[in-house]
Amino acid sequence: MDAITHTILALASIAGAWYGGRALLVRQARRFTHDMTSPEMLRHIRQLDRLIEQMTFEDEAHIHGTEVGEHQPLQLELFAHRGADREEQA
C-alpha cells in the first residue's frame, strides 16, 4: 500500500469515527431529555432558562440605560462589605 492510499484510509476512518461518535452523542442526549428526565427536572430546567433570560434582559437594559459610549456590563462587587466598612470609618 502506498503512502497516499494509507493516508486516505486513515483520514476516512478518523472521520467515520468522529461523525459516528457525534451522532451517538446527539441520539443519547435526545433520548435523555425525553425519556429519562423527570417532570421535576424539566420544571427546574425551564425555571433556570427563564432566570437566564431575565438576567440577560436586565443586563441589556442597564447597558442601554448608560450614556452613549459607556457600554459596560453589570459588575458584581466582590468585597461589598469592605467598601461599606470604609465608608463608615470616613
PDB file of N, CA and C in Angstrom:
ATOM      1  N   MET A   1       0.862  -1.167   0.000  1.00  0.00           N
ATOM      2  CA  MET A   1       0.000   0.000   0.000  1.00  0.00           C
ATOM      3  C   MET A   1       0.909   1.230   0.000  1.00  0.00           C
ATOM      4  N   ASP A   2       0.628   2.152  -0.886  1.00  0.00           N
ATOM      5  CA  ASP A   2       1.465   3.348  -0.939  1.00  0.00           C
ATOM      6  C   ASP A   2       0.998   4.375   0.095  1.00  0.00           C
ATOM      7  N   ALA A   3       1.741   5.438   0.242  1.00  0.00           N
ATOM      8  CA  ALA A   3       1.502   6.425   1.294  1.00  0.00           C
ATOM      9  C   ALA A   3       0.179   7.179   1.092  1.00  0.00           C
ATOM     10  N   ILE A   4      -0.157   7.472  -0.148  1.00  0.00           N
ATOM     11  CA  ILE A   4      -1.385   8.225  -0.412  1.00  0.00           C
ATOM     12  C   ILE A   4      -2.614   7.389  -0.047  1.00  0.00           C
ATOM     13  N   THR A   5      -2.621   6.131  -0.433  1.00  0.00           N
ATOM     14  CA  THR A   5      -3.745   5.254  -0.099  1.00  0.00           C
ATOM     15  C   THR A   5      -3.865   5.096   1.411  1.00  0.00           C
ATOM     16  N   HIS A   6      -2.744   4.935   2.077  1.00  0.00           N
ATOM     17  CA  HIS A   6      -2.747   4.793   3.529  1.00  0.00           C
ATOM     18  C   HIS A   6      -3.301   6.058   4.196  1.00  0.00           C
ATOM     19  N   THR A   7      -2.904   7.221   3.704  1.00  0.00           N
ATOM     20  CA  THR A   7      -3.383   8.480   4.256  1.00  0.00           C
ATOM     21  C   THR A   7      -4.881   8.629   4.048  1.00  0.00           C
ATOM     22  N   ILE A   8      -5.368   8.295   2.872  1.00  0.00           N
ATOM     23  CA  ILE A   8      -6.800   8.395   2.579  1.00  0.00           C
ATOM     24  C   ILE A   8      -7.601   7.464   3.483  1.00  0.00           C
ATOM     25  N   LEU A   9      -7.147   6.238   3.652  1.00  0.00           N
ATOM     26  CA  LEU A   9      -7.848   5.292   4.520  1.00  0.00           C
ATOM     27  C   LEU A   9      -7.824   5.748   5.985  1.00  0.00           C
ATOM     28  N   ALA A  10      -6.702   6.300   6.417  1.00  0.00           N
ATOM     29  CA  ALA A  10      -6.603   6.778   7.798  1.00  0.00           C
ATOM     30  C   ALA A  10      -7.550   7.946   8.028  1.00  0.00           C
ATOM     31  N   LEU A  11      -7.568   8.898   7.114  1.00  0.00           N
ATOM     32  CA  LEU A  11      -8.483  10.036   7.253  1.00  0.00           C
ATOM     33  C   LEU A  11      -9.942   9.607   7.200  1.00  0.00           C
ATOM     34  N   ALA A  12     -10.257   8.650   6.345  1.00  0.00           N
ATOM     35  CA  ALA A  12     -11.639   8.169   6.253  1.00  0.00           C
ATOM     36  C   ALA A  12     -12.059   7.475   7.545  1.00  0.00           C
ATOM     37  N   SER A  13     -11.174   6.686   8.129  1.00  0.00           N
ATOM     38  CA  SER A  13     -11.542   6.004   9.371  1.00  0.00           C
ATOM     39  C   SER A  13     -11.666   6.985  10.531  1.00  0.00           C
ATOM     40  N   ILE A  14     -10.802   7.984  10.580  1.00  0.00           N
ATOM     41  CA  ILE A  14     -10.907   9.004  11.638  1.00  0.00           C
ATOM     42  C   ILE A  14     -12.196   9.802  11.477  1.00  0.00           C
ATOM     43  N   ALA A  15     -12.524  10.197  10.254  1.00  0.00           N
ATOM     44  CA  ALA A  15     -13.755  10.956  10.013  1.00  0.00           C
ATOM     45  C   ALA A  15     -14.983  10.113  10.350  1.00  0.00           C
ATOM     46  N   GLY A  16     -14.958   8.844   9.978  1.00  0.00           N
ATOM     47  CA  GLY A  16     -16.083   7.972  10.305  1.00  0.00           C
ATOM     48  C   GLY A  16     -16.269   7.814  11.800  1.00  0.00           C
ATOM     49  N   ALA A  17     -15.179   7.656  12.525  1.00  0.00           N
ATOM     50  CA  ALA A  17     -15.266   7.534  13.982  1.00  0.00           C
ATOM     51  C   ALA A  17     -15.764   8.838  14.602  1.00  0.00           C
ATOM     52  N   TRP A  18     -15.281   9.956  14.106  1.00  0.00           N
ATOM     53  CA  TRP A  18     -15.675  11.262  14.649  1.00  0.00           C
ATOM     54  C   TRP A  18     -17.176  11.505  14.459  1.00  0.00           C
ATOM     55  N   TYR A  19     -17.644  11.388  13.217  1.00  0.00           N
ATOM     56  CA  TYR A  19     -19.048  11.671  12.937  1.00  0.00           C
ATOM     57  C   TYR A  19     -19.969  10.602  13.520  1.00  0.00           C
ATOM     58  N   GLY A  20     -19.514   9.363  13.566  1.00  0.00           N
ATOM     59  CA  GLY A  20     -20.305   8.319  14.213  1.00  0.00           C
ATOM     60  C   GLY A  20     -20.460   8.583  15.703  1.00  0.00           C
ATOM     61  N   GLY A  21     -19.383   8.989  16.358  1.00  0.00           N
ATOM     62  CA  GLY A  21     -19.446   9.322  17.777  1.00  0.00           C
ATOM     63  C   GLY A  21     -20.334  10.513  18.044  1.00  0.00           C
ATOM     64  N   ARG A  22     -20.252  11.522  17.204  1.00  0.00           N
ATOM     65  CA  ARG A  22     -21.118  12.692  17.367  1.00  0.00           C
ATOM     66  C   ARG A  22     -22.592  12.309  17.205  1.00  0.00           C
ATOM     67  N   ALA A  23     -22.889  11.466  16.239  1.00  0.00           N
ATOM     68  CA  ALA A  23     -24.271  11.037  16.031  1.00  0.00           C
ATOM     69  C   ALA A  23     -24.781  10.267  17.250  1.00  0.00           C
ATOM     70  N   LEU A  24     -23.940   9.412  17.837  1.00  0.00           N
ATOM     71  CA  LEU A  24     -24.346   8.677  19.029  1.00  0.00           C
ATOM     72  C   LEU A  24     -24.568   9.607  20.215  1.00  0.00           C
ATOM     73  N   LEU A  25     -23.725  10.629  20.359  1.00  0.00           N
ATOM     74  CA  LEU A  25     -23.901  11.583  21.457  1.00  0.00           C
ATOM     75  C   LEU A  25     -25.204  12.371  21.309  1.00  0.00           C
ATOM     76  N   VAL A  26     -25.508  12.787  20.104  1.00  0.00           N
ATOM     77  CA  VAL A  26     -26.746  13.533  19.863  1.00  0.00           C
ATOM     78  C   VAL A  26     -27.951  12.644  20.147  1.00  0.00           C
ATOM     79  N   ARG A  27     -27.895  11.397  19.688  1.00  0.00           N
ATOM     80  CA  ARG A  27     -29.000  10.469  19.930  1.00  0.00           C
ATOM     81  C   ARG A  27     -29.182  10.221  21.423  1.00  0.00           C
ATOM     82  N   GLN A  28     -28.067  10.059  22.144  1.00  0.00           N
ATOM     83  CA  GLN A  28     -28.143   9.827  23.583  1.00  0.00           C
ATOM     84  C   GLN A  28     -28.701  11.051  24.308  1.00  0.00           C
ATOM     85  N   ALA A  29     -28.284  12.248  23.894  1.00  0.00           N
ATOM     86  CA  ALA A  29     -28.785  13.466  24.529  1.00  0.00           C
ATOM     87  C   ALA A  29     -30.282  13.628  24.295  1.00  0.00           C
ATOM     88  N   ARG A  30     -30.760  13.343  23.099  1.00  0.00           N
ATOM     89  CA  ARG A  30     -32.195  13.444  22.816  1.00  0.00           C
ATOM     90  C   ARG A  30     -32.979  12.418  23.618  1.00  0.00           C
ATOM     91  N   ARG A  31     -32.460  11.215  23.727  1.00  0.00           N
ATOM     92  CA  ARG A  31     -33.140  10.182  24.494  1.00  0.00           C
ATOM     93  C   ARG A  31     -33.169  10.550  25.974  1.00  0.00           C
ATOM     94  N   PHE A  32     -32.086  11.138  26.473  1.00  0.00           N
ATOM     95  CA  PHE A  32     -32.025  11.515  27.886  1.00  0.00           C
ATOM     96  C   PHE A  32     -33.061  12.570  28.222  1.00  0.00           C
ATOM     97  N   THR A  33     -33.165  13.607  27.390  1.00  0.00           N
ATOM     98  CA  THR A  33     -34.082  14.693  27.707  1.00  0.00           C
ATOM     99  C   THR A  33     -35.536  14.269  27.579  1.00  0.00           C
ATOM    100  N   HIS A  34     -35.837  13.309  26.718  1.00  0.00           N
ATOM    101  CA  HIS A  34     -37.223  12.919  26.529  1.00  0.00           C
ATOM    102  C   HIS A  34     -37.645  11.748  27.422  1.00  0.00           C
ATOM    103  N   ASP A  35     -36.792  10.769  27.582  1.00  0.00           N
ATOM    104  CA  ASP A  35     -37.184   9.548  28.268  1.00  0.00           C
ATOM    105  C   ASP A  35     -36.811   9.529  29.751  1.00  0.00           C
ATOM    106  N   MET A  36     -35.631  10.019  30.094  1.00  0.00           N
ATOM    107  CA  MET A  36     -35.107   9.812  31.430  1.00  0.00           C
ATOM    108  C   MET A  36     -35.303  10.991  32.371  1.00  0.00           C
ATOM    109  N   THR A  37     -35.678  12.125  31.846  1.00  0.00           N
ATOM    110  CA  THR A  37     -35.787  13.309  32.681  1.00  0.00           C
ATOM    111  C   THR A  37     -37.142  13.334  33.381  1.00  0.00           C
ATOM    112  N   SER A  38     -37.094  13.527  34.682  1.00  0.00           N
ATOM    113  CA  SER A  38     -38.330  13.578  35.452  1.00  0.00           C
ATOM    114  C   SER A  38     -39.033  14.918  35.227  1.00  0.00           C
ATOM    115  N   PRO A  39     -40.326  14.979  35.494  1.00  0.00           N
ATOM    116  CA  PRO A  39     -41.054  16.248  35.348  1.00  0.00           C
ATOM    117  C   PRO A  39     -40.470  17.344  36.247  1.00  0.00           C
ATOM    118  N   GLU A  40     -39.990  16.963  37.423  1.00  0.00           N
ATOM    119  CA  GLU A  40     -39.390  17.945  38.328  1.00  0.00           C
ATOM    120  C   GLU A  40     -38.113  18.541  37.723  1.00  0.00           C
ATOM    121  N   MET A  41     -37.296  17.696  37.102  1.00  0.00           N
ATOM    122  CA  MET A  41     -36.071  18.173  36.470  1.00  0.00           C
ATOM    123  C   MET A  41     -36.391  19.087  35.286  1.00  0.00           C
ATOM    124  N   LEU A  42     -37.395  18.719  34.482  1.00  0.00           N
ATOM    125  CA  LEU A  42     -37.788  19.566  33.358  1.00  0.00           C
ATOM    126  C   LEU A  42     -38.298  20.917  33.843  1.00  0.00           C
ATOM    127  N   ARG A  43     -39.064  20.926  34.937  1.00  0.00           N
ATOM    128  CA  ARG A  43     -39.550  22.178  35.503  1.00  0.00           C
ATOM    129  C   ARG A  43     -38.383  23.038  35.967  1.00  0.00           C
ATOM    130  N   HIS A  44     -37.385  22.398  36.591  1.00  0.00           N
ATOM    131  CA  HIS A  44     -36.210  23.122  37.071  1.00  0.00           C
ATOM    132  C   HIS A  44     -35.408  23.702  35.899  1.00  0.00           C
ATOM    133  N   ILE A  45     -35.270  22.939  34.822  1.00  0.00           N
ATOM    134  CA  ILE A  45     -34.547  23.415  33.640  1.00  0.00           C
ATOM    135  C   ILE A  45     -35.268  24.615  33.029  1.00  0.00           C
ATOM    136  N   ARG A  46     -36.603  24.542  32.916  1.00  0.00           N
ATOM    137  CA  ARG A  46     -37.366  25.674  32.379  1.00  0.00           C
ATOM    138  C   ARG A  46     -37.240  26.901  33.278  1.00  0.00           C
ATOM    139  N   GLN A  47     -37.236  26.671  34.587  1.00  0.00           N
ATOM    140  CA  GLN A  47     -37.097  27.770  35.538  1.00  0.00           C
ATOM    141  C   GLN A  47     -35.734  28.445  35.386  1.00  0.00           C
ATOM    142  N   LEU A  48     -34.677  27.655  35.214  1.00  0.00           N
ATOM    143  CA  LEU A  48     -33.344  28.223  35.004  1.00  0.00           C
ATOM    144  C   LEU A  48     -33.268  28.987  33.683  1.00  0.00           C
ATOM    145  N   ASP A  49     -33.916  28.468  32.647  1.00  0.00           N
ATOM    146  CA  ASP A  49     -33.936  29.176  31.364  1.00  0.00           C
ATOM    147  C   ASP A  49     -34.608  30.542  31.505  1.00  0.00           C
ATOM    148  N   ARG A  50     -35.736  30.603  32.232  1.00  0.00           N
ATOM    149  CA  ARG A  50     -36.407  31.891  32.449  1.00  0.00           C
ATOM    150  C   ARG A  50     -35.532  32.840  33.257  1.00  0.00           C
ATOM    151  N   LEU A  51     -34.823  32.310  34.243  1.00  0.00           N
ATOM    152  CA  LEU A  51     -33.933  33.138  35.053  1.00  0.00           C
ATOM    153  C   LEU A  51     -32.801  33.713  34.213  1.00  0.00           C
ATOM    154  N   ILE A  52     -32.217  32.900  33.348  1.00  0.00           N
ATOM    155  CA  ILE A  52     -31.139  33.370  32.474  1.00  0.00           C
ATOM    156  C   ILE A  52     -31.661  34.445  31.531  1.00  0.00           C
ATOM    157  N   GLU A  53     -32.861  34.246  30.963  1.00  0.00           N
ATOM    158  CA  GLU A  53     -33.441  35.253  30.072  1.00  0.00           C
ATOM    159  C   GLU A  53     -33.689  36.564  30.812  1.00  0.00           C
ATOM    160  N   GLN A  54     -34.181  36.489  32.057  1.00  0.00           N
ATOM    161  CA  GLN A  54     -34.429  37.692  32.848  1.00  0.00           C
ATOM    162  C   GLN A  54     -33.133  38.428  33.154  1.00  0.00           C
ATOM    163  N   MET A  55     -32.087  37.679  33.526  1.00  0.00           N
ATOM    164  CA  MET A  55     -30.800  38.304  33.831  1.00  0.00           C
ATOM    165  C   MET A  55     -30.214  38.965  32.590  1.00  0.00           C
ATOM    166  N   THR A  56     -30.349  38.317  31.436  1.00  0.00           N
ATOM    167  CA  THR A  56     -29.855  38.895  30.188  1.00  0.00           C
ATOM    168  C   THR A  56     -30.619  40.169  29.858  1.00  0.00           C
ATOM    169  N   PHE A  57     -31.930  40.153  30.036  1.00  0.00           N
ATOM    170  CA  PHE A  57     -32.749  41.335  29.780  1.00  0.00           C
ATOM    171  C   PHE A  57     -32.335  42.494  30.687  1.00  0.00           C
ATOM    172  N   GLU A  58     -32.133  42.221  31.978  1.00  0.00           N
ATOM    173  CA  GLU A  58     -31.731  43.276  32.913  1.00  0.00           C
ATOM    174  C   GLU A  58     -30.351  43.826  32.575  1.00  0.00           C
ATOM    175  N   ASP A  59     -29.432  42.954  32.176  1.00  0.00           N
ATOM    176  CA  ASP A  59     -28.093  43.400  31.818  1.00  0.00           C
ATOM    177  C   ASP A  59     -28.134  44.291  30.585  1.00  0.00           C
ATOM    178  N   GLU A  60     -28.905  43.890  29.576  1.00  0.00           N
ATOM    179  CA  GLU A  60     -29.013  44.701  28.357  1.00  0.00           C
ATOM    180  C   GLU A  60     -29.708  46.031  28.649  1.00  0.00           C
ATOM    181  N   ALA A  61     -30.704  46.019  29.541  1.00  0.00           N
ATOM    182  CA  ALA A  61     -31.383  47.259  29.910  1.00  0.00           C
ATOM    183  C   ALA A  61     -30.412  48.204  30.613  1.00  0.00           C
ATOM    184  N   HIS A  62     -29.535  47.668  31.435  1.00  0.00           N
ATOM    185  CA  HIS A  62     -28.541  48.501  32.109  1.00  0.00           C
ATOM    186  C   HIS A  62     -27.536  49.076  31.107  1.00  0.00           C
ATOM    187  N   ILE A  63     -27.125  48.248  30.163  1.00  0.00           N
ATOM    188  CA  ILE A  63     -26.161  48.715  29.161  1.00  0.00           C
ATOM    189  C   ILE A  63     -26.775  49.832  28.325  1.00  0.00           C
ATOM    190  N   HIS A  64     -28.029  49.666  27.902  1.00  0.00           N
ATOM    191  CA  HIS A  64     -28.675  50.683  27.067  1.00  0.00           C
ATOM    192  C   HIS A  64     -29.064  51.907  27.893  1.00  0.00           C
ATOM    193  N   GLY A  65     -29.152  51.758  29.207  1.00  0.00           N
ATOM    194  CA  GLY A  65     -29.505  52.876  30.068  1.00  0.00           C
ATOM    195  C   GLY A  65     -28.331  53.788  30.374  1.00  0.00           C
ATOM    196  N   THR A  66     -27.101  53.356  30.105  1.00  0.00           N
ATOM    197  CA  THR A  66     -25.935  54.199  30.352  1.00  0.00           C
ATOM    198  C   THR A  66     -25.758  55.182  29.208  1.00  0.00           C
ATOM    199  N   GLU A  67     -24.873  56.124  29.392  1.00  0.00           N
ATOM    200  CA  GLU A  67     -24.627  57.128  28.358  1.00  0.00           C
ATOM    201  C   GLU A  67     -23.999  56.474  27.139  1.00  0.00           C
ATOM    202  N   VAL A  68     -24.110  57.153  26.007  1.00  0.00           N
ATOM    203  CA  VAL A  68     -23.563  56.627  24.765  1.00  0.00           C
ATOM    204  C   VAL A  68     -22.046  56.496  24.915  1.00  0.00           C
ATOM    205  N   GLY A  69     -21.523  55.357  24.524  1.00  0.00           N
ATOM    206  CA  GLY A  69     -20.088  55.117  24.614  1.00  0.00           C
ATOM    207  C   GLY A  69     -19.674  54.458  25.916  1.00  0.00           C
ATOM    208  N   GLU A  70     -20.574  54.313  26.869  1.00  0.00           N
ATOM    209  CA  GLU A  70     -20.246  53.685  28.141  1.00  0.00           C
ATOM    210  C   GLU A  70     -20.817  52.277  28.217  1.00  0.00           C
ATOM    211  N   HIS A  71     -20.668  51.503  27.202  1.00  0.00           N
ATOM    212  CA  HIS A  71     -21.241  50.164  27.174  1.00  0.00           C
ATOM    213  C   HIS A  71     -20.457  49.244  28.098  1.00  0.00           C
ATOM    214  N   GLN A  72     -20.872  49.193  29.355  1.00  0.00           N
ATOM    215  CA  GLN A  72     -20.224  48.344  30.342  1.00  0.00           C
ATOM    216  C   GLN A  72     -21.249  47.373  30.907  1.00  0.00           C
ATOM    217  N   PRO A  73     -20.918  46.091  30.960  1.00  0.00           N
ATOM    218  CA  PRO A  73     -21.852  45.129  31.552  1.00  0.00           C
ATOM    219  C   PRO A  73     -21.913  45.293  33.070  1.00  0.00           C
ATOM    220  N   LEU A  74     -22.951  44.723  33.667  1.00  0.00           N
ATOM    221  CA  LEU A  74     -23.063  44.770  35.115  1.00  0.00           C
ATOM    222  C   LEU A  74     -21.888  44.059  35.759  1.00  0.00           C
ATOM    223  N   GLN A  75     -21.351  44.625  36.802  1.00  0.00           N
ATOM    224  CA  GLN A  75     -20.247  44.012  37.529  1.00  0.00           C
ATOM    225  C   GLN A  75     -20.693  43.756  38.960  1.00  0.00           C
ATOM    226  N   LEU A  76     -20.320  42.631  39.484  1.00  0.00           N
ATOM    227  CA  LEU A  76     -20.632  42.328  40.871  1.00  0.00           C
ATOM    228  C   LEU A  76     -19.541  42.906  41.762  1.00  0.00           C
ATOM    229  N   GLU A  77     -19.930  43.459  42.881  1.00  0.00           N
ATOM    230  CA  GLU A  77     -18.967  43.970  43.850  1.00  0.00           C
ATOM    231  C   GLU A  77     -18.526  42.791  44.702  1.00  0.00           C
ATOM    232  N   LEU A  78     -17.257  42.382  44.556  1.00  0.00           N
ATOM    233  CA  LEU A  78     -16.784  41.195  45.242  1.00  0.00           C
ATOM    234  C   LEU A  78     -16.602  41.421  46.740  1.00  0.00           C
ATOM    235  N   PHE A  79     -16.187  42.598  47.105  1.00  0.00           N
ATOM    236  CA  PHE A  79     -15.926  42.882  48.507  1.00  0.00           C
ATOM    237  C   PHE A  79     -16.798  44.043  48.966  1.00  0.00           C
ATOM    238  N   ALA A  80     -18.095  43.882  48.857  1.00  0.00           N
ATOM    239  CA  ALA A  80     -19.029  44.957  49.194  1.00  0.00           C
ATOM    240  C   ALA A  80     -18.956  45.305  50.669  1.00  0.00           C
ATOM    241  N   HIS A  81     -18.753  44.315  51.527  1.00  0.00           N
ATOM    242  CA  HIS A  81     -18.701  44.589  52.964  1.00  0.00           C
ATOM    243  C   HIS A  81     -17.474  45.425  53.326  1.00  0.00           C
ATOM    244  N   ARG A  82     -16.376  45.284  52.615  1.00  0.00           N
ATOM    245  CA  ARG A  82     -15.187  46.089  52.896  1.00  0.00           C
ATOM    246  C   ARG A  82     -15.411  47.547  52.514  1.00  0.00           C
ATOM    247  N   GLY A  83     -16.100  47.766  51.389  1.00  0.00           N
ATOM    248  CA  GLY A  83     -16.395  49.130  50.971  1.00  0.00           C
ATOM    249  C   GLY A  83     -17.329  49.819  51.949  1.00  0.00           C
ATOM    250  N   ALA A  84     -18.295  49.078  52.481  1.00  0.00           N
ATOM    251  CA  ALA A  84     -19.222  49.658  53.455  1.00  0.00           C
ATOM    252  C   ALA A  84     -18.487  50.007  54.747  1.00  0.00           C
ATOM    253  N   ASP A  85     -17.526  49.186  55.148  1.00  0.00           N
ATOM    254  CA  ASP A  85     -16.746  49.459  56.353  1.00  0.00           C
ATOM    255  C   ASP A  85     -15.907  50.726  56.186  1.00  0.00           C
ATOM    256  N   ARG A  86     -15.342  50.911  55.011  1.00  0.00           N
ATOM    257  CA  ARG A  86     -14.508  52.096  54.765  1.00  0.00           C
ATOM    258  C   ARG A  86     -15.355  53.367  54.772  1.00  0.00           C
ATOM    259  N   GLU A  87     -16.586  53.280  54.211  1.00  0.00           N
ATOM    260  CA  GLU A  87     -17.462  54.451  54.208  1.00  0.00           C
ATOM    261  C   GLU A  87     -17.885  54.807  55.627  1.00  0.00           C
ATOM    262  N   GLU A  88     -18.110  53.815  56.476  1.00  0.00           N
ATOM    263  CA  GLU A  88     -18.497  54.075  57.854  1.00  0.00           C
ATOM    264  C   GLU A  88     -17.348  54.710  58.644  1.00  0.00           C
ATOM    265  N   GLN A  89     -16.111  54.309  58.335  1.00  0.00           N
ATOM    266  CA  GLN A  89     -14.954  54.848  59.054  1.00  0.00           C
ATOM    267  C   GLN A  89     -14.674  56.290  58.648  1.00  0.00           C
ATOM    268  N   ALA A  90     -15.021  56.677  57.434  1.00  0.00           N
ATOM    269  CA  ALA A  90     -14.709  58.029  56.958  1.00  0.00           C
ATOM    270  C   ALA A  90     -15.573  59.091  57.571  1.00  0.00           C
TER     271      ALA A  90
END
